[in-house]
PDB file of N, CA and C in Angstrom:
ATOM      1  N   MET A   1      26.382   7.246  -6.278  1.00  0.00           N
ATOM      2  CA  MET A   1      26.576   6.551  -4.882  1.00  0.00           C
ATOM      3  C   MET A   1      25.567   6.153  -4.282  1.00  0.00           C
ATOM      4  N   ASN A   2      25.456   4.847  -3.749  1.00  0.00           N
ATOM      5  CA  ASN A   2      23.963   4.578  -3.208  1.00  0.00           C
ATOM      6  C   ASN A   2      24.452   5.149  -1.500  1.00  0.00           C
ATOM      7  N   SER A   3      23.564   5.821  -1.337  1.00  0.00           N
ATOM      8  CA  SER A   3      23.491   5.980   0.482  1.00  0.00           C
ATOM      9  C   SER A   3      22.636   5.096   1.123  1.00  0.00           C
ATOM     10  N   ARG A   4      22.877   4.759   2.318  1.00  0.00           N
ATOM     11  CA  ARG A   4      22.237   3.472   2.961  1.00  0.00           C
ATOM     12  C   ARG A   4      21.463   4.010   3.872  1.00  0.00           C
ATOM     13  N   LYS A   5      20.461   3.394   4.190  1.00  0.00           N
ATOM     14  CA  LYS A   5      19.123   4.015   4.745  1.00  0.00           C
ATOM     15  C   LYS A   5      18.713   2.737   5.940  1.00  0.00           C
ATOM     16  N   LYS A   6      18.619   3.072   6.970  1.00  0.00           N
ATOM     17  CA  LYS A   6      18.137   2.559   8.050  1.00  0.00           C
ATOM     18  C   LYS A   6      17.021   1.693   7.794  1.00  0.00           C
ATOM     19  N   LEU A   7      16.971   0.229   8.323  1.00  0.00           N
ATOM     20  CA  LEU A   7      15.746  -0.413   8.256  1.00  0.00           C
ATOM     21  C   LEU A   7      14.411   0.174   8.912  1.00  0.00           C
ATOM     22  N   SER A   8      13.362   0.238   8.576  1.00  0.00           N
ATOM     23  CA  SER A   8      11.943   0.706   9.338  1.00  0.00           C
ATOM     24  C   SER A   8      11.911  -0.417  10.487  1.00  0.00           C
ATOM     25  N   SER A   9      10.843   0.153  11.552  1.00  0.00           N
ATOM     26  CA  SER A   9      10.582  -0.955  12.506  1.00  0.00           C
ATOM     27  C   SER A   9      10.251  -1.979  11.773  1.00  0.00           C
ATOM     28  N   LEU A  10       9.222  -1.915  10.934  1.00  0.00           N
ATOM     29  CA  LEU A  10       8.184  -2.920  10.175  1.00  0.00           C
ATOM     30  C   LEU A  10       9.151  -3.970   9.739  1.00  0.00           C
ATOM     31  N   GLN A  11      10.614  -3.396   8.836  1.00  0.00           N
ATOM     32  CA  GLN A  11      11.213  -4.244   8.172  1.00  0.00           C
ATOM     33  C   GLN A  11      12.102  -4.939   9.358  1.00  0.00           C
ATOM     34  N   MET A  12      12.491  -4.478  10.285  1.00  0.00           N
ATOM     35  CA  MET A  12      13.415  -5.029  11.207  1.00  0.00           C
ATOM     36  C   MET A  12      12.486  -6.248  12.137  1.00  0.00           C
ATOM     37  N   GLU A  13      10.934  -5.901  12.097  1.00  0.00           N
ATOM     38  CA  GLU A  13      10.196  -6.968  12.909  1.00  0.00           C
ATOM     39  C   GLU A  13      10.169  -8.246  11.688  1.00  0.00           C
ATOM     40  N   LEU A  14       9.979  -7.876  10.431  1.00  0.00           N
ATOM     41  CA  LEU A  14       9.793  -8.972   9.415  1.00  0.00           C
ATOM     42  C   LEU A  14      11.093  -9.909   9.398  1.00  0.00           C
ATOM     43  N   LEU A  15      12.204  -9.200   9.704  1.00  0.00           N
ATOM     44  CA  LEU A  15      13.645 -10.042   9.862  1.00  0.00           C
ATOM     45  C   LEU A  15      13.402 -10.798  10.882  1.00  0.00           C
ATOM     46  N   GLU A  16      12.923 -10.275  12.113  1.00  0.00           N
ATOM     47  CA  GLU A  16      12.985 -11.265  13.339  1.00  0.00           C
ATOM     48  C   GLU A  16      11.792 -12.370  13.004  1.00  0.00           C
ATOM     49  N   VAL A  17      10.770 -12.094  12.456  1.00  0.00           N
ATOM     50  CA  VAL A  17       9.910 -13.111  12.043  1.00  0.00           C
ATOM     51  C   VAL A  17      10.300 -14.266  10.923  1.00  0.00           C
ATOM     52  N   PHE A  18      11.373 -13.656  10.043  1.00  0.00           N
ATOM     53  CA  PHE A  18      11.692 -14.712   9.184  1.00  0.00           C
ATOM     54  C   PHE A  18      13.121 -15.198   9.810  1.00  0.00           C
ATOM     55  N   SER A  19      13.614 -14.978  10.914  1.00  0.00           N
ATOM     56  CA  SER A  19      14.638 -15.539  11.322  1.00  0.00           C
ATOM     57  C   SER A  19      14.413 -17.236  11.788  1.00  0.00           C
ATOM     58  N   PHE A  20      13.005 -17.310  11.866  1.00  0.00           N
ATOM     59  CA  PHE A  20      12.461 -18.548  11.982  1.00  0.00           C
ATOM     60  C   PHE A  20      12.221 -19.366  10.954  1.00  0.00           C
ATOM     61  N   GLU A  21      12.302 -20.692  11.080  1.00  0.00           N
ATOM     62  CA  GLU A  21      12.030 -21.707   9.630  1.00  0.00           C
ATOM     63  C   GLU A  21      10.743 -21.594   9.516  1.00  0.00           C
ATOM     64  N   VAL A  22      10.243 -20.851   8.222  1.00  0.00           N
ATOM     65  CA  VAL A  22       8.848 -20.931   8.133  1.00  0.00           C
ATOM     66  C   VAL A  22       8.840 -21.807   6.563  1.00  0.00           C
ATOM     67  N   SER A  23       7.713 -21.989   6.080  1.00  0.00           N
ATOM     68  CA  SER A  23       7.639 -22.725   4.877  1.00  0.00           C
ATOM     69  C   SER A  23       7.113 -21.791   3.913  1.00  0.00           C
ATOM     70  N   ASP A  24       7.153 -22.120   2.573  1.00  0.00           N
ATOM     71  CA  ASP A  24       6.953 -21.651   1.652  1.00  0.00           C
ATOM     72  C   ASP A  24       5.671 -20.993   1.380  1.00  0.00           C
ATOM     73  N   GLU A  25       4.619 -21.686   1.977  1.00  0.00           N
ATOM     74  CA  GLU A  25       3.024 -21.702   2.203  1.00  0.00           C
ATOM     75  C   GLU A  25       2.874 -20.559   3.303  1.00  0.00           C
ATOM     76  N   GLN A  26       3.692 -20.518   4.369  1.00  0.00           N
ATOM     77  CA  GLN A  26       3.657 -19.728   5.328  1.00  0.00           C
ATOM     78  C   GLN A  26       4.050 -18.274   4.790  1.00  0.00           C
ATOM     79  N   VAL A  27       5.125 -18.279   3.897  1.00  0.00           N
ATOM     80  CA  VAL A  27       5.481 -17.055   3.449  1.00  0.00           C
ATOM     81  C   VAL A  27       4.309 -16.541   2.733  1.00  0.00           C
ATOM     82  N   LYS A  28       3.599 -17.461   1.949  1.00  0.00           N
ATOM     83  CA  LYS A  28       2.682 -16.838   1.160  1.00  0.00           C
ATOM     84  C   LYS A  28       1.636 -15.954   1.689  1.00  0.00           C
ATOM     85  N   GLU A  29       1.301 -17.024   3.038  1.00  0.00           N
ATOM     86  CA  GLU A  29       0.112 -16.615   3.965  1.00  0.00           C
ATOM     87  C   GLU A  29       0.433 -15.284   4.503  1.00  0.00           C
ATOM     88  N   ILE A  30       1.634 -15.250   5.135  1.00  0.00           N
ATOM     89  CA  ILE A  30       2.036 -13.950   5.578  1.00  0.00           C
ATOM     90  C   ILE A  30       1.885 -12.782   4.621  1.00  0.00           C
ATOM     91  N   ARG A  31       2.366 -12.998   3.269  1.00  0.00           N
ATOM     92  CA  ARG A  31       2.445 -11.996   2.278  1.00  0.00           C
ATOM     93  C   ARG A  31       0.859 -11.603   2.133  1.00  0.00           C
ATOM     94  N   SER A  32      -0.050 -12.472   2.080  1.00  0.00           N
ATOM     95  CA  SER A  32      -1.411 -12.208   1.878  1.00  0.00           C
ATOM     96  C   SER A  32      -2.062 -11.274   3.052  1.00  0.00           C
ATOM     97  N   LEU A  33      -1.522 -11.585   4.085  1.00  0.00           N
ATOM     98  CA  LEU A  33      -1.800 -10.832   5.442  1.00  0.00           C
ATOM     99  C   LEU A  33      -1.490  -9.233   5.151  1.00  0.00           C
ATOM    100  N   LEU A  34      -0.313  -9.067   5.097  1.00  0.00           N
ATOM    101  CA  LEU A  34       0.362  -7.802   4.854  1.00  0.00           C
ATOM    102  C   LEU A  34      -0.319  -7.038   3.728  1.00  0.00           C
ATOM    103  N   VAL A  35      -0.579  -7.893   2.591  1.00  0.00           N
ATOM    104  CA  VAL A  35      -1.226  -7.213   1.176  1.00  0.00           C
ATOM    105  C   VAL A  35      -2.925  -6.750   1.586  1.00  0.00           C
ATOM    106  N   GLU A  36      -3.343  -7.725   2.378  1.00  0.00           N
ATOM    107  CA  GLU A  36      -5.055  -7.398   3.081  1.00  0.00           C
ATOM    108  C   GLU A  36      -4.848  -6.347   3.984  1.00  0.00           C
ATOM    109  N   TYR A  37      -3.732  -6.072   4.829  1.00  0.00           N
ATOM    110  CA  TYR A  37      -3.579  -5.205   5.972  1.00  0.00           C
ATOM    111  C   TYR A  37      -3.721  -3.587   5.024  1.00  0.00           C
ATOM    112  N   PHE A  38      -2.436  -3.458   4.317  1.00  0.00           N
ATOM    113  CA  PHE A  38      -2.464  -2.466   3.359  1.00  0.00           C
ATOM    114  C   PHE A  38      -3.449  -2.243   2.445  1.00  0.00           C
ATOM    115  N   ALA A  39      -4.077  -2.869   2.181  1.00  0.00           N
ATOM    116  CA  ALA A  39      -5.359  -2.505   0.920  1.00  0.00           C
ATOM    117  C   ALA A  39      -6.436  -1.944   2.152  1.00  0.00           C
ATOM    118  N   ASP A  40      -6.411  -2.722   3.072  1.00  0.00           N
ATOM    119  CA  ASP A  40      -7.689  -1.997   4.381  1.00  0.00           C
ATOM    120  C   ASP A  40      -7.348  -0.597   4.645  1.00  0.00           C
ATOM    121  N   LYS A  41      -6.099  -0.631   5.039  1.00  0.00           N
ATOM    122  CA  LYS A  41      -5.442   0.818   5.506  1.00  0.00           C
ATOM    123  C   LYS A  41      -5.582   1.859   4.289  1.00  0.00           C
ATOM    124  N   THR A  42      -5.421   1.575   3.086  1.00  0.00           N
ATOM    125  CA  THR A  42      -5.564   2.437   1.860  1.00  0.00           C
ATOM    126  C   THR A  42      -7.152   2.625   1.771  1.00  0.00           C
ATOM    127  N   THR A  43      -8.041   1.739   1.847  1.00  0.00           N
ATOM    128  CA  THR A  43      -9.259   2.081   1.618  1.00  0.00           C
ATOM    129  C   THR A  43      -9.899   2.834   2.830  1.00  0.00           C
ATOM    130  N   THR A  44      -9.333   2.727   4.159  1.00  0.00           N
ATOM    131  CA  THR A  44      -9.946   3.558   5.204  1.00  0.00           C
ATOM    132  C   THR A  44      -9.341   4.739   5.093  1.00  0.00           C
ATOM    133  N   ASP A  45      -8.148   5.014   4.623  1.00  0.00           N
ATOM    134  CA  ASP A  45      -7.517   6.399   4.317  1.00  0.00           C
ATOM    135  C   ASP A  45      -8.322   7.043   3.388  1.00  0.00           C
ATOM    136  N   VAL A  46      -8.665   6.499   2.071  1.00  0.00           N
ATOM    137  CA  VAL A  46      -9.373   7.329   1.289  1.00  0.00           C
ATOM    138  C   VAL A  46     -10.802   7.490   1.461  1.00  0.00           C
ATOM    139  N   ASP A  47     -11.406   6.635   2.153  1.00  0.00           N
ATOM    140  CA  ASP A  47     -12.644   7.040   2.645  1.00  0.00           C
ATOM    141  C   ASP A  47     -12.947   8.196   3.476  1.00  0.00           C
ATOM    142  N   GLU A  48     -11.584   8.413   4.264  1.00  0.00           N
ATOM    143  CA  GLU A  48     -11.665   9.312   5.352  1.00  0.00           C
ATOM    144  C   GLU A  48     -11.483  10.718   4.388  1.00  0.00           C
ATOM    145  N   LEU A  49     -10.570  10.830   3.300  1.00  0.00           N
ATOM    146  CA  LEU A  49     -10.367  12.085   2.716  1.00  0.00           C
ATOM    147  C   LEU A  49     -11.694  12.227   1.653  1.00  0.00           C
ATOM    148  N   PHE A  50     -12.264  11.260   1.151  1.00  0.00           N
ATOM    149  CA  PHE A  50     -13.597  11.540   0.679  1.00  0.00           C
ATOM    150  C   PHE A  50     -14.268  12.215   1.604  1.00  0.00           C
ATOM    151  N   LYS A  51     -14.610  11.886   2.704  1.00  0.00           N
ATOM    152  CA  LYS A  51     -15.574  12.340   3.904  1.00  0.00           C
ATOM    153  C   LYS A  51     -15.004  13.698   4.098  1.00  0.00           C
ATOM    154  N   GLU A  52     -13.751  13.804   4.439  1.00  0.00           N
ATOM    155  CA  GLU A  52     -13.028  15.248   4.845  1.00  0.00           C
ATOM    156  C   GLU A  52     -13.704  16.122   3.864  1.00  0.00           C
ATOM    157  N   LYS A  53     -13.292  15.925   2.367  1.00  0.00           N
ATOM    158  CA  LYS A  53     -13.314  16.627   1.122  1.00  0.00           C
ATOM    159  C   LYS A  53     -14.713  16.912   1.009  1.00  0.00           C
ATOM    160  N   GLY A  54     -15.584  16.273   1.513  1.00  0.00           N
ATOM    161  CA  GLY A  54     -16.911  16.111   1.010  1.00  0.00           C
ATOM    162  C   GLY A  54     -17.270  15.325  -0.731  1.00  0.00           C
ATOM    163  N   TRP A  55     -16.365  14.575  -1.026  1.00  0.00           N
ATOM    164  CA  TRP A  55     -16.502  13.882  -2.330  1.00  0.00           C
ATOM    165  C   TRP A  55     -17.661  12.795  -2.603  1.00  0.00           C
ATOM    166  N   GLY A  56     -17.787  12.416  -3.590  1.00  0.00           N
ATOM    167  CA  GLY A  56     -18.783  11.447  -3.638  1.00  0.00           C
ATOM    168  C   GLY A  56     -18.654  10.818  -5.223  1.00  0.00           C
ATOM    169  N   GLU A  57     -19.522  10.236  -5.505  1.00  0.00           N
ATOM    170  CA  GLU A  57     -19.241   9.372  -6.578  1.00  0.00           C
ATOM    171  C   GLU A  57     -18.912  10.241  -7.814  1.00  0.00           C
ATOM    172  N   GLU A  58     -19.338  11.396  -7.715  1.00  0.00           N
ATOM    173  CA  GLU A  58     -19.108  12.357  -8.847  1.00  0.00           C
ATOM    174  C   GLU A  58     -17.766  12.772  -8.926  1.00  0.00           C
ATOM    175  N   LYS A  59     -17.051  12.693  -8.099  1.00  0.00           N
ATOM    176  CA  LYS A  59     -15.315  12.789  -8.142  1.00  0.00           C
ATOM    177  C   LYS A  59     -14.728  11.764  -8.729  1.00  0.00           C
ATOM    178  N   ILE A  60     -15.088  10.399  -8.308  1.00  0.00           N
ATOM    179  CA  ILE A  60     -14.710   9.299  -8.952  1.00  0.00           C
ATOM    180  C   ILE A  60     -15.073   9.482 -10.740  1.00  0.00           C
ATOM    181  N   GLU A  61     -16.099   9.709 -10.884  1.00  0.00           N
ATOM    182  CA  GLU A  61     -16.463   9.791 -12.247  1.00  0.00           C
ATOM    183  C   GLU A  61     -15.817  10.798 -13.151  1.00  0.00           C
ATOM    184  N   GLU A  62     -15.547  12.097 -12.414  1.00  0.00           N
ATOM    185  CA  GLU A  62     -14.549  12.909 -12.799  1.00  0.00           C
ATOM    186  C   GLU A  62     -13.317  12.319 -12.909  1.00  0.00           C
ATOM    187  N   TRP A  63     -12.638  11.596 -11.994  1.00  0.00           N
ATOM    188  CA  TRP A  63     -11.252  10.981 -11.959  1.00  0.00           C
ATOM    189  C   TRP A  63     -11.150  10.236 -13.698  1.00  0.00           C
ATOM    190  N   SER A  64     -12.422   9.440 -13.785  1.00  0.00           N
ATOM    191  CA  SER A  64     -12.191   8.444 -14.791  1.00  0.00           C
ATOM    192  C   SER A  64     -11.993   9.047 -16.077  1.00  0.00           C
ATOM    193  N   LYS A  65     -12.500  10.346 -16.154  1.00  0.00           N
ATOM    194  CA  LYS A  65     -12.370  10.787 -17.403  1.00  0.00           C
ATOM    195  C   LYS A  65     -11.243  11.870 -17.717  1.00  0.00           C
ATOM    196  N   GLU A  66     -10.125  11.802 -16.490  1.00  0.00           N
ATOM    197  CA  GLU A  66      -8.734  12.505 -16.832  1.00  0.00           C
ATOM    198  C   GLU A  66      -7.854  11.700 -17.301  1.00  0.00           C
ATOM    199  N   HIS A  67      -7.278  12.549 -18.314  1.00  0.00           N
ATOM    200  CA  HIS A  67      -5.976  11.790 -19.068  1.00  0.00           C
ATOM    201  C   HIS A  67      -4.781  12.424 -18.501  1.00  0.00           C
ATOM    202  N   MET A  68      -4.110  11.434 -17.357  1.00  0.00           N
ATOM    203  CA  MET A  68      -2.832  12.052 -16.997  1.00  0.00           C
ATOM    204  C   MET A  68      -1.493  11.301 -17.398  1.00  0.00           C
ATOM    205  N   ARG A  69      -1.561  11.110 -18.928  1.00  0.00           N
ATOM    206  CA  ARG A  69      -0.437  10.805 -19.335  1.00  0.00           C
ATOM    207  C   ARG A  69       0.514  11.906 -19.999  1.00  0.00           C
ATOM    208  N   THR A  70       1.680  11.413 -20.162  1.00  0.00           N
ATOM    209  CA  THR A  70       2.551  12.340 -20.333  1.00  0.00           C
ATOM    210  C   THR A  70       2.276  12.707 -21.937  1.00  0.00           C
ATOM    211  N   GLU A  71       2.460  14.022 -22.230  1.00  0.00           N
ATOM    212  CA  GLU A  71       2.172  14.254 -23.943  1.00  0.00           C
ATOM    213  C   GLU A  71       3.541  13.917 -24.483  1.00  0.00           C
ATOM    214  N   TYR A  72       3.576  13.215 -25.594  1.00  0.00           N
ATOM    215  CA  TYR A  72       5.054  13.009 -26.471  1.00  0.00           C
ATOM    216  C   TYR A  72       5.062  14.122 -27.690  1.00  0.00           C
ATOM    217  N   LYS A  73       6.057  14.791 -27.603  1.00  0.00           N
ATOM    218  CA  LYS A  73       6.273  15.640 -28.580  1.00  0.00           C
ATOM    219  C   LYS A  73       6.792  15.560 -29.692  1.00  0.00           C
TER     220      LYS A  73
END
């Protein structure tokens, strides 16, 4: 059975924006703005985490060598 979830404030805001007539090009521009915003936010959060944990390039190198795939039996 599917449970219904309330829309978030962001979803409500976007519905309000899209209640007006917008072109396909404007939709692409808005999508691009949202992607850029969330990418910047993620970068800032990761930079903060690295600073907080005292991590550096060696941590990235360590992660690059990890194999996190599910083992098949």
